[in-house]
Amino acid sequence: MKFDTTINGMARTLECEPTATLFEVLRGAGHHSIKQGCDREGTCGACTVLLDGQPILSCITPAAKAAGHEITMVEALGTPADPHPLQKAFVEAGAVQCGYCTPGMILAAKSLLDRTTSPTDAQIADALSGNLCRCTGYVKITEAVKNAAQEMAKNGGRR
């Protein structure tokens, strides 16, 4: 089957088997920021992408669900020379160790910060609850999200 979608701001036509997951299709199209950590059980968050701004687990989402929608992955947020405030805050707070969970964490946090300019610890914990980190724990990650929220508030809620 073929379907049209937008990936990181670019219109794309993708082709896949009717039973393919969004994860399989995105990885097959060369997008490697999304990871597989839970063997397609939807329990780790490493495969998180934003679908129309909402975090979803691409490993359990049928690829066809993305037809006509916008997919955002972490590489669309910033560059090494011009990182998104969340990317910068994660590095500065030490919320990145192995980096395996980082793209999913950042996308879940971005979705939260798009809706809430000054999130509480409970709101951050809730937004990140589908993302597991095996290295850093969550204190530095929560700190990074708060720091990014403050930075984004200075810039009118955006970069």
N, C-alpha and C. Protein backbone atom coordinates (compact mmCIF):
# COMPACT_ATOMS: atom_id res chain seq x y z
N MET A 1 0.84 -1.18 0.00
CA MET A 1 0.00 0.00 0.00
C MET A 1 0.88 1.24 0.00
N LYS A 2 0.37 2.32 -0.56
CA LYS A 2 1.06 3.61 -0.58
C LYS A 2 0.20 4.60 0.18
N PHE A 3 0.90 5.54 0.86
CA PHE A 3 0.16 6.62 1.52
C PHE A 3 1.03 7.86 1.60
N ASP A 4 0.36 9.01 1.64
CA ASP A 4 1.04 10.30 1.73
C ASP A 4 1.05 10.75 3.17
N THR A 5 2.15 11.34 3.58
CA THR A 5 2.31 11.86 4.93
C THR A 5 3.33 12.99 4.88
N THR A 6 3.52 13.63 6.00
CA THR A 6 4.58 14.63 6.12
C THR A 6 5.52 14.16 7.22
N ILE A 7 6.81 14.10 6.90
CA ILE A 7 7.81 13.67 7.87
C ILE A 7 8.79 14.82 8.07
N ASN A 8 8.86 15.30 9.30
CA ASN A 8 9.77 16.39 9.63
C ASN A 8 9.63 17.58 8.69
N GLY A 9 8.37 17.88 8.35
CA GLY A 9 8.08 19.05 7.52
C GLY A 9 8.15 18.82 6.03
N MET A 10 8.47 17.61 5.59
CA MET A 10 8.59 17.33 4.16
C MET A 10 7.52 16.33 3.73
N ALA A 11 6.79 16.66 2.66
CA ALA A 11 5.78 15.75 2.12
C ALA A 11 6.46 14.50 1.59
N ARG A 12 5.89 13.36 1.92
CA ARG A 12 6.46 12.07 1.49
C ARG A 12 5.34 11.13 1.09
N THR A 13 5.65 10.26 0.15
CA THR A 13 4.79 9.13 -0.18
C THR A 13 5.56 7.90 0.24
N LEU A 14 4.94 7.11 1.10
CA LEU A 14 5.58 5.90 1.61
C LEU A 14 4.84 4.68 1.11
N GLU A 15 5.58 3.59 0.99
CA GLU A 15 4.98 2.34 0.56
C GLU A 15 5.35 1.27 1.58
N CYS A 16 4.35 0.44 1.91
CA CYS A 16 4.60 -0.60 2.90
C CYS A 16 3.57 -1.71 2.78
N GLU A 17 3.83 -2.77 3.48
CA GLU A 17 2.85 -3.85 3.60
C GLU A 17 1.70 -3.35 4.47
N PRO A 18 0.49 -3.82 4.27
CA PRO A 18 -0.65 -3.36 5.07
C PRO A 18 -0.49 -3.60 6.57
N THR A 19 0.31 -4.57 6.96
CA THR A 19 0.49 -4.89 8.38
C THR A 19 1.69 -4.21 9.01
N ALA A 20 2.41 -3.39 8.25
CA ALA A 20 3.63 -2.75 8.76
C ALA A 20 3.33 -1.74 9.85
N THR A 21 4.24 -1.65 10.80
CA THR A 21 4.12 -0.62 11.84
C THR A 21 4.78 0.66 11.33
N LEU A 22 4.42 1.75 11.95
CA LEU A 22 5.03 3.03 11.60
C LEU A 22 6.53 2.99 11.86
N PHE A 23 6.94 2.34 12.94
CA PHE A 23 8.37 2.17 13.25
C PHE A 23 9.10 1.52 12.07
N GLU A 24 8.57 0.41 11.58
CA GLU A 24 9.22 -0.32 10.49
C GLU A 24 9.35 0.56 9.25
N VAL A 25 8.30 1.29 8.94
CA VAL A 25 8.31 2.12 7.74
C VAL A 25 9.29 3.29 7.89
N LEU A 26 9.29 3.93 9.05
CA LEU A 26 10.20 5.06 9.26
C LEU A 26 11.66 4.61 9.24
N ARG A 27 11.96 3.52 9.92
CA ARG A 27 13.34 3.01 9.89
C ARG A 27 13.73 2.60 8.47
N GLY A 28 12.80 1.97 7.76
CA GLY A 28 13.06 1.58 6.39
C GLY A 28 13.30 2.77 5.47
N ALA A 29 12.72 3.90 5.82
CA ALA A 29 12.90 5.13 5.04
C ALA A 29 14.15 5.89 5.48
N GLY A 30 14.93 5.31 6.39
CA GLY A 30 16.21 5.92 6.78
C GLY A 30 16.18 6.79 8.01
N HIS A 31 15.12 6.76 8.76
CA HIS A 31 15.02 7.58 9.98
C HIS A 31 15.46 6.73 11.17
N HIS A 32 16.64 7.04 11.69
CA HIS A 32 17.24 6.19 12.72
C HIS A 32 17.24 6.80 14.12
N SER A 33 16.58 7.93 14.31
CA SER A 33 16.53 8.49 15.66
C SER A 33 15.56 7.72 16.54
N ILE A 34 14.59 7.06 15.92
CA ILE A 34 13.67 6.24 16.70
C ILE A 34 14.31 4.88 16.94
N LYS A 35 14.13 4.38 18.13
CA LYS A 35 14.77 3.13 18.54
C LYS A 35 13.73 2.09 18.91
N GLN A 36 14.15 0.85 18.91
CA GLN A 36 13.30 -0.24 19.38
C GLN A 36 13.92 -0.78 20.66
N GLY A 37 13.17 -0.69 21.75
CA GLY A 37 13.71 -1.14 23.02
C GLY A 37 12.90 -2.21 23.70
N CYS A 38 11.66 -2.39 23.32
CA CYS A 38 10.79 -3.30 24.06
C CYS A 38 10.26 -4.44 23.20
N ASP A 39 10.87 -4.65 22.06
CA ASP A 39 10.44 -5.73 21.16
C ASP A 39 8.98 -5.57 20.75
N ARG A 40 8.61 -4.34 20.44
CA ARG A 40 7.29 -4.00 19.90
C ARG A 40 6.14 -4.32 20.85
N GLU A 41 6.37 -4.05 22.11
CA GLU A 41 5.31 -4.22 23.10
C GLU A 41 4.69 -2.89 23.52
N GLY A 42 5.30 -1.77 23.11
CA GLY A 42 4.78 -0.46 23.45
C GLY A 42 4.99 -0.08 24.90
N THR A 43 6.09 -0.54 25.49
CA THR A 43 6.30 -0.30 26.91
C THR A 43 7.52 0.55 27.26
N CYS A 44 8.32 0.96 26.26
CA CYS A 44 9.55 1.68 26.63
C CYS A 44 9.60 3.13 26.16
N GLY A 45 8.93 3.48 25.08
CA GLY A 45 8.93 4.85 24.58
C GLY A 45 10.09 5.22 23.69
N ALA A 46 11.03 4.31 23.44
CA ALA A 46 12.19 4.63 22.61
C ALA A 46 11.80 4.93 21.16
N CYS A 47 10.63 4.45 20.75
CA CYS A 47 10.17 4.65 19.38
C CYS A 47 9.19 5.82 19.25
N THR A 48 9.09 6.64 20.27
CA THR A 48 8.13 7.74 20.27
C THR A 48 8.38 8.71 19.11
N VAL A 49 7.30 9.06 18.43
CA VAL A 49 7.29 10.13 17.44
C VAL A 49 6.07 10.99 17.76
N LEU A 50 6.02 12.17 17.18
CA LEU A 50 4.83 13.00 17.32
C LEU A 50 4.00 12.83 16.05
N LEU A 51 2.74 12.53 16.23
CA LEU A 51 1.80 12.46 15.12
C LEU A 51 0.82 13.61 15.33
N ASP A 52 0.92 14.59 14.45
CA ASP A 52 0.14 15.82 14.61
C ASP A 52 0.37 16.43 15.99
N GLY A 53 1.60 16.37 16.47
CA GLY A 53 1.97 16.99 17.73
C GLY A 53 1.74 16.15 18.97
N GLN A 54 1.15 14.97 18.82
CA GLN A 54 0.86 14.11 19.96
C GLN A 54 1.82 12.92 19.97
N PRO A 55 2.41 12.60 21.12
CA PRO A 55 3.33 11.47 21.16
C PRO A 55 2.60 10.14 20.97
N ILE A 56 3.17 9.31 20.11
CA ILE A 56 2.64 7.96 19.90
C ILE A 56 3.81 7.00 19.90
N LEU A 57 3.53 5.75 20.15
CA LEU A 57 4.54 4.69 20.09
C LEU A 57 4.49 4.08 18.70
N SER A 58 5.52 4.35 17.91
CA SER A 58 5.50 3.92 16.51
C SER A 58 5.62 2.41 16.36
N CYS A 59 6.11 1.72 17.38
CA CYS A 59 6.28 0.26 17.27
C CYS A 59 4.96 -0.49 17.35
N ILE A 60 3.90 0.15 17.84
CA ILE A 60 2.59 -0.51 17.92
C ILE A 60 1.53 0.25 17.12
N THR A 61 1.95 1.23 16.35
CA THR A 61 1.01 2.02 15.54
C THR A 61 1.07 1.54 14.10
N PRO A 62 -0.06 1.16 13.52
CA PRO A 62 -0.05 0.79 12.10
C PRO A 62 0.42 1.97 11.25
N ALA A 63 1.28 1.68 10.28
CA ALA A 63 1.82 2.74 9.43
C ALA A 63 0.71 3.52 8.74
N ALA A 64 -0.34 2.85 8.36
CA ALA A 64 -1.44 3.51 7.64
C ALA A 64 -2.10 4.61 8.46
N LYS A 65 -1.96 4.56 9.77
CA LYS A 65 -2.55 5.60 10.62
C LYS A 65 -1.91 6.97 10.35
N ALA A 66 -0.71 6.98 9.80
CA ALA A 66 -0.02 8.24 9.51
C ALA A 66 -0.46 8.87 8.20
N ALA A 67 -1.27 8.18 7.42
CA ALA A 67 -1.72 8.73 6.14
C ALA A 67 -2.41 10.07 6.34
N GLY A 68 -1.90 11.08 5.65
CA GLY A 68 -2.49 12.40 5.72
C GLY A 68 -2.13 13.19 6.96
N HIS A 69 -1.22 12.68 7.77
CA HIS A 69 -0.85 13.34 9.02
C HIS A 69 0.62 13.76 9.01
N GLU A 70 0.99 14.54 10.02
CA GLU A 70 2.35 15.03 10.15
C GLU A 70 3.10 14.25 11.23
N ILE A 71 4.24 13.71 10.84
CA ILE A 71 5.11 12.97 11.75
C ILE A 71 6.31 13.84 12.06
N THR A 72 6.63 13.97 13.34
CA THR A 72 7.81 14.73 13.74
C THR A 72 8.71 13.83 14.57
N MET A 73 9.99 13.81 14.19
CA MET A 73 11.00 13.10 14.96
C MET A 73 12.00 14.11 15.49
N VAL A 74 12.84 13.69 16.40
CA VAL A 74 13.70 14.62 17.12
C VAL A 74 14.64 15.41 16.21
N GLU A 75 15.06 14.83 15.11
CA GLU A 75 16.00 15.55 14.24
C GLU A 75 15.37 16.78 13.60
N ALA A 76 14.05 16.88 13.62
CA ALA A 76 13.37 18.06 13.07
C ALA A 76 13.38 19.24 14.03
N LEU A 77 13.73 19.01 15.29
CA LEU A 77 13.66 20.08 16.29
C LEU A 77 14.82 21.05 16.22
N GLY A 78 16.01 20.55 15.99
CA GLY A 78 17.17 21.43 15.98
C GLY A 78 18.37 20.74 15.37
N THR A 79 19.46 21.48 15.30
CA THR A 79 20.71 20.97 14.75
C THR A 79 21.79 21.08 15.83
N PRO A 80 22.93 20.44 15.62
CA PRO A 80 24.02 20.63 16.60
C PRO A 80 24.41 22.10 16.76
N ALA A 81 24.35 22.86 15.69
CA ALA A 81 24.71 24.28 15.77
C ALA A 81 23.59 25.13 16.36
N ASP A 82 22.35 24.67 16.22
CA ASP A 82 21.19 25.42 16.70
C ASP A 82 20.18 24.46 17.33
N PRO A 83 20.52 23.93 18.50
CA PRO A 83 19.62 22.94 19.12
C PRO A 83 18.34 23.57 19.65
N HIS A 84 17.30 22.77 19.70
CA HIS A 84 16.05 23.16 20.33
C HIS A 84 16.33 23.34 21.82
N PRO A 85 15.62 24.22 22.52
CA PRO A 85 15.85 24.39 23.95
C PRO A 85 15.79 23.08 24.75
N LEU A 86 14.95 22.15 24.35
CA LEU A 86 14.92 20.86 25.05
C LEU A 86 16.20 20.07 24.83
N GLN A 87 16.68 20.05 23.60
CA GLN A 87 17.93 19.34 23.32
C GLN A 87 19.08 19.94 24.12
N LYS A 88 19.15 21.25 24.12
CA LYS A 88 20.21 21.95 24.86
C LYS A 88 20.08 21.68 26.36
N ALA A 89 18.87 21.75 26.89
CA ALA A 89 18.64 21.55 28.33
C ALA A 89 18.98 20.12 28.75
N PHE A 90 18.67 19.13 27.93
CA PHE A 90 19.00 17.75 28.26
C PHE A 90 20.51 17.58 28.39
N VAL A 91 21.26 18.17 27.49
CA VAL A 91 22.72 18.08 27.56
C VAL A 91 23.24 18.82 28.79
N GLU A 92 22.80 20.05 28.98
CA GLU A 92 23.30 20.87 30.09
C GLU A 92 22.95 20.29 31.46
N ALA A 93 21.80 19.64 31.58
CA ALA A 93 21.39 19.08 32.87
C ALA A 93 21.99 17.70 33.13
N GLY A 94 22.68 17.15 32.14
CA GLY A 94 23.20 15.80 32.30
C GLY A 94 22.11 14.74 32.21
N ALA A 95 21.05 15.04 31.48
CA ALA A 95 19.93 14.12 31.34
C ALA A 95 20.13 13.13 30.20
N VAL A 96 21.33 13.12 29.66
CA VAL A 96 21.67 12.22 28.56
C VAL A 96 22.86 11.38 29.00
N GLN A 97 22.70 10.08 28.97
CA GLN A 97 23.86 9.22 29.20
C GLN A 97 24.06 8.36 27.97
N CYS A 98 23.38 7.25 27.86
CA CYS A 98 23.56 6.43 26.67
C CYS A 98 22.84 7.03 25.47
N GLY A 99 21.79 7.81 25.71
CA GLY A 99 21.07 8.49 24.64
C GLY A 99 19.98 7.67 23.98
N TYR A 100 19.84 6.43 24.37
CA TYR A 100 18.86 5.56 23.71
C TYR A 100 17.43 6.07 23.88
N CYS A 101 17.09 6.52 25.08
CA CYS A 101 15.73 7.00 25.35
C CYS A 101 15.54 8.47 25.02
N THR A 102 16.62 9.19 24.79
CA THR A 102 16.57 10.65 24.68
C THR A 102 15.63 11.17 23.60
N PRO A 103 15.66 10.66 22.37
CA PRO A 103 14.73 11.20 21.38
C PRO A 103 13.27 11.09 21.80
N GLY A 104 12.88 9.94 22.34
CA GLY A 104 11.50 9.77 22.79
C GLY A 104 11.15 10.68 23.95
N MET A 105 12.09 10.81 24.89
CA MET A 105 11.88 11.71 26.03
C MET A 105 11.69 13.14 25.56
N ILE A 106 12.55 13.58 24.66
CA ILE A 106 12.48 14.96 24.18
C ILE A 106 11.17 15.21 23.43
N LEU A 107 10.74 14.27 22.62
CA LEU A 107 9.48 14.46 21.90
C LEU A 107 8.28 14.47 22.84
N ALA A 108 8.27 13.59 23.83
CA ALA A 108 7.18 13.60 24.82
C ALA A 108 7.18 14.93 25.58
N ALA A 109 8.37 15.42 25.93
CA ALA A 109 8.47 16.69 26.63
C ALA A 109 8.05 17.85 25.73
N LYS A 110 8.39 17.79 24.45
CA LYS A 110 7.99 18.85 23.52
C LYS A 110 6.47 18.94 23.44
N SER A 111 5.83 17.80 23.35
CA SER A 111 4.37 17.80 23.29
C SER A 111 3.78 18.45 24.55
N LEU A 112 4.36 18.14 25.70
CA LEU A 112 3.92 18.76 26.95
C LEU A 112 4.12 20.27 26.91
N LEU A 113 5.32 20.71 26.52
CA LEU A 113 5.63 22.14 26.53
C LEU A 113 4.86 22.91 25.46
N ASP A 114 4.40 22.22 24.44
CA ASP A 114 3.53 22.88 23.46
C ASP A 114 2.17 23.19 24.06
N ARG A 115 1.79 22.45 25.10
CA ARG A 115 0.48 22.64 25.75
C ARG A 115 0.57 23.40 27.06
N THR A 116 1.72 23.34 27.73
CA THR A 116 1.87 23.88 29.08
C THR A 116 3.21 24.62 29.17
N THR A 117 3.16 25.89 29.48
CA THR A 117 4.40 26.67 29.49
C THR A 117 5.19 26.54 30.79
N SER A 118 4.53 26.17 31.86
CA SER A 118 5.21 26.03 33.14
C SER A 118 4.73 24.76 33.85
N PRO A 119 5.18 23.60 33.38
CA PRO A 119 4.67 22.34 33.92
C PRO A 119 5.17 22.06 35.34
N THR A 120 4.33 21.39 36.09
CA THR A 120 4.70 20.93 37.43
C THR A 120 5.47 19.61 37.29
N ASP A 121 6.11 19.21 38.39
CA ASP A 121 6.80 17.92 38.39
C ASP A 121 5.83 16.79 38.05
N ALA A 122 4.62 16.87 38.57
CA ALA A 122 3.62 15.83 38.31
C ALA A 122 3.23 15.80 36.83
N GLN A 123 3.10 16.97 36.21
CA GLN A 123 2.76 17.01 34.79
C GLN A 123 3.90 16.45 33.94
N ILE A 124 5.13 16.77 34.32
CA ILE A 124 6.28 16.23 33.61
C ILE A 124 6.33 14.72 33.76
N ALA A 125 6.15 14.24 34.97
CA ALA A 125 6.17 12.79 35.21
C ALA A 125 5.08 12.10 34.40
N ASP A 126 3.91 12.70 34.33
CA ASP A 126 2.81 12.11 33.57
C ASP A 126 3.14 12.09 32.08
N ALA A 127 3.67 13.20 31.56
CA ALA A 127 3.99 13.29 30.14
C ALA A 127 5.08 12.30 29.74
N LEU A 128 6.00 12.02 30.65
CA LEU A 128 7.12 11.13 30.35
C LEU A 128 6.87 9.70 30.80
N SER A 129 5.71 9.43 31.34
CA SER A 129 5.44 8.12 31.96
C SER A 129 5.57 6.94 31.00
N GLY A 130 5.42 7.16 29.72
CA GLY A 130 5.56 6.07 28.76
C GLY A 130 6.97 5.87 28.26
N ASN A 131 7.92 6.62 28.81
CA ASN A 131 9.30 6.55 28.36
C ASN A 131 10.19 6.06 29.50
N LEU A 132 10.88 4.98 29.26
CA LEU A 132 11.77 4.42 30.27
C LEU A 132 13.21 4.84 30.04
N CYS A 133 13.89 5.19 31.13
CA CYS A 133 15.31 5.49 31.09
C CYS A 133 16.00 4.51 32.01
N ARG A 134 16.99 3.85 31.50
CA ARG A 134 17.70 2.85 32.29
C ARG A 134 19.02 3.40 32.85
N CYS A 135 19.38 4.62 32.47
CA CYS A 135 20.70 5.15 32.87
C CYS A 135 20.63 6.28 33.89
N THR A 136 19.89 7.33 33.57
CA THR A 136 20.00 8.56 34.37
C THR A 136 19.03 8.65 35.51
N GLY A 137 17.96 7.87 35.47
CA GLY A 137 16.87 8.14 36.39
C GLY A 137 16.11 9.33 35.85
N TYR A 138 15.25 9.91 36.63
CA TYR A 138 14.36 10.93 36.09
C TYR A 138 14.56 12.31 36.69
N VAL A 139 15.41 12.45 37.69
CA VAL A 139 15.62 13.76 38.33
C VAL A 139 16.21 14.74 37.33
N LYS A 140 17.28 14.35 36.65
CA LYS A 140 17.91 15.25 35.69
C LYS A 140 17.04 15.50 34.46
N ILE A 141 16.25 14.51 34.10
CA ILE A 141 15.34 14.67 32.96
C ILE A 141 14.26 15.69 33.31
N THR A 142 13.71 15.58 34.51
CA THR A 142 12.70 16.55 34.96
C THR A 142 13.31 17.94 35.03
N GLU A 143 14.53 18.04 35.54
CA GLU A 143 15.24 19.33 35.60
C GLU A 143 15.41 19.90 34.20
N ALA A 144 15.77 19.07 33.25
CA ALA A 144 15.97 19.53 31.87
C ALA A 144 14.67 20.07 31.28
N VAL A 145 13.57 19.38 31.51
CA VAL A 145 12.28 19.84 30.97
C VAL A 145 11.91 21.18 31.59
N LYS A 146 12.11 21.33 32.90
CA LYS A 146 11.82 22.62 33.56
C LYS A 146 12.70 23.73 33.01
N ASN A 147 13.99 23.45 32.83
CA ASN A 147 14.91 24.46 32.29
C ASN A 147 14.52 24.87 30.88
N ALA A 148 14.13 23.89 30.07
CA ALA A 148 13.70 24.19 28.70
C ALA A 148 12.42 25.02 28.71
N ALA A 149 11.51 24.70 29.61
CA ALA A 149 10.26 25.47 29.71
C ALA A 149 10.56 26.93 30.03
N GLN A 150 11.49 27.15 30.95
CA GLN A 150 11.86 28.53 31.30
C GLN A 150 12.48 29.24 30.11
N GLU A 151 13.36 28.56 29.40
CA GLU A 151 14.01 29.15 28.23
C GLU A 151 12.99 29.45 27.13
N MET A 152 12.09 28.52 26.91
CA MET A 152 11.07 28.73 25.89
C MET A 152 10.12 29.85 26.26
N ALA A 153 9.81 30.00 27.56
CA ALA A 153 8.94 31.09 28.01
C ALA A 153 9.57 32.44 27.73
N LYS A 154 10.89 32.53 27.85
CA LYS A 154 11.60 33.77 27.54
C LYS A 154 11.46 34.14 26.07
N ASN A 155 11.30 33.11 25.23
CA ASN A 155 11.22 33.32 23.78
C ASN A 155 9.79 33.21 23.26
N GLY A 156 8.82 33.48 24.10
CA GLY A 156 7.43 33.47 23.68
C GLY A 156 6.85 32.09 23.47
N GLY A 157 7.39 31.08 24.16
CA GLY A 157 6.85 29.73 24.07
C GLY A 157 7.45 28.88 22.98
N ARG A 158 8.30 29.44 22.18
CA ARG A 158 8.94 28.70 21.09
C ARG A 158 10.44 28.90 21.15
N ARG A 159 11.10 28.38 20.18
CA ARG A 159 12.55 28.50 20.05
C ARG A 159 12.97 29.93 19.98
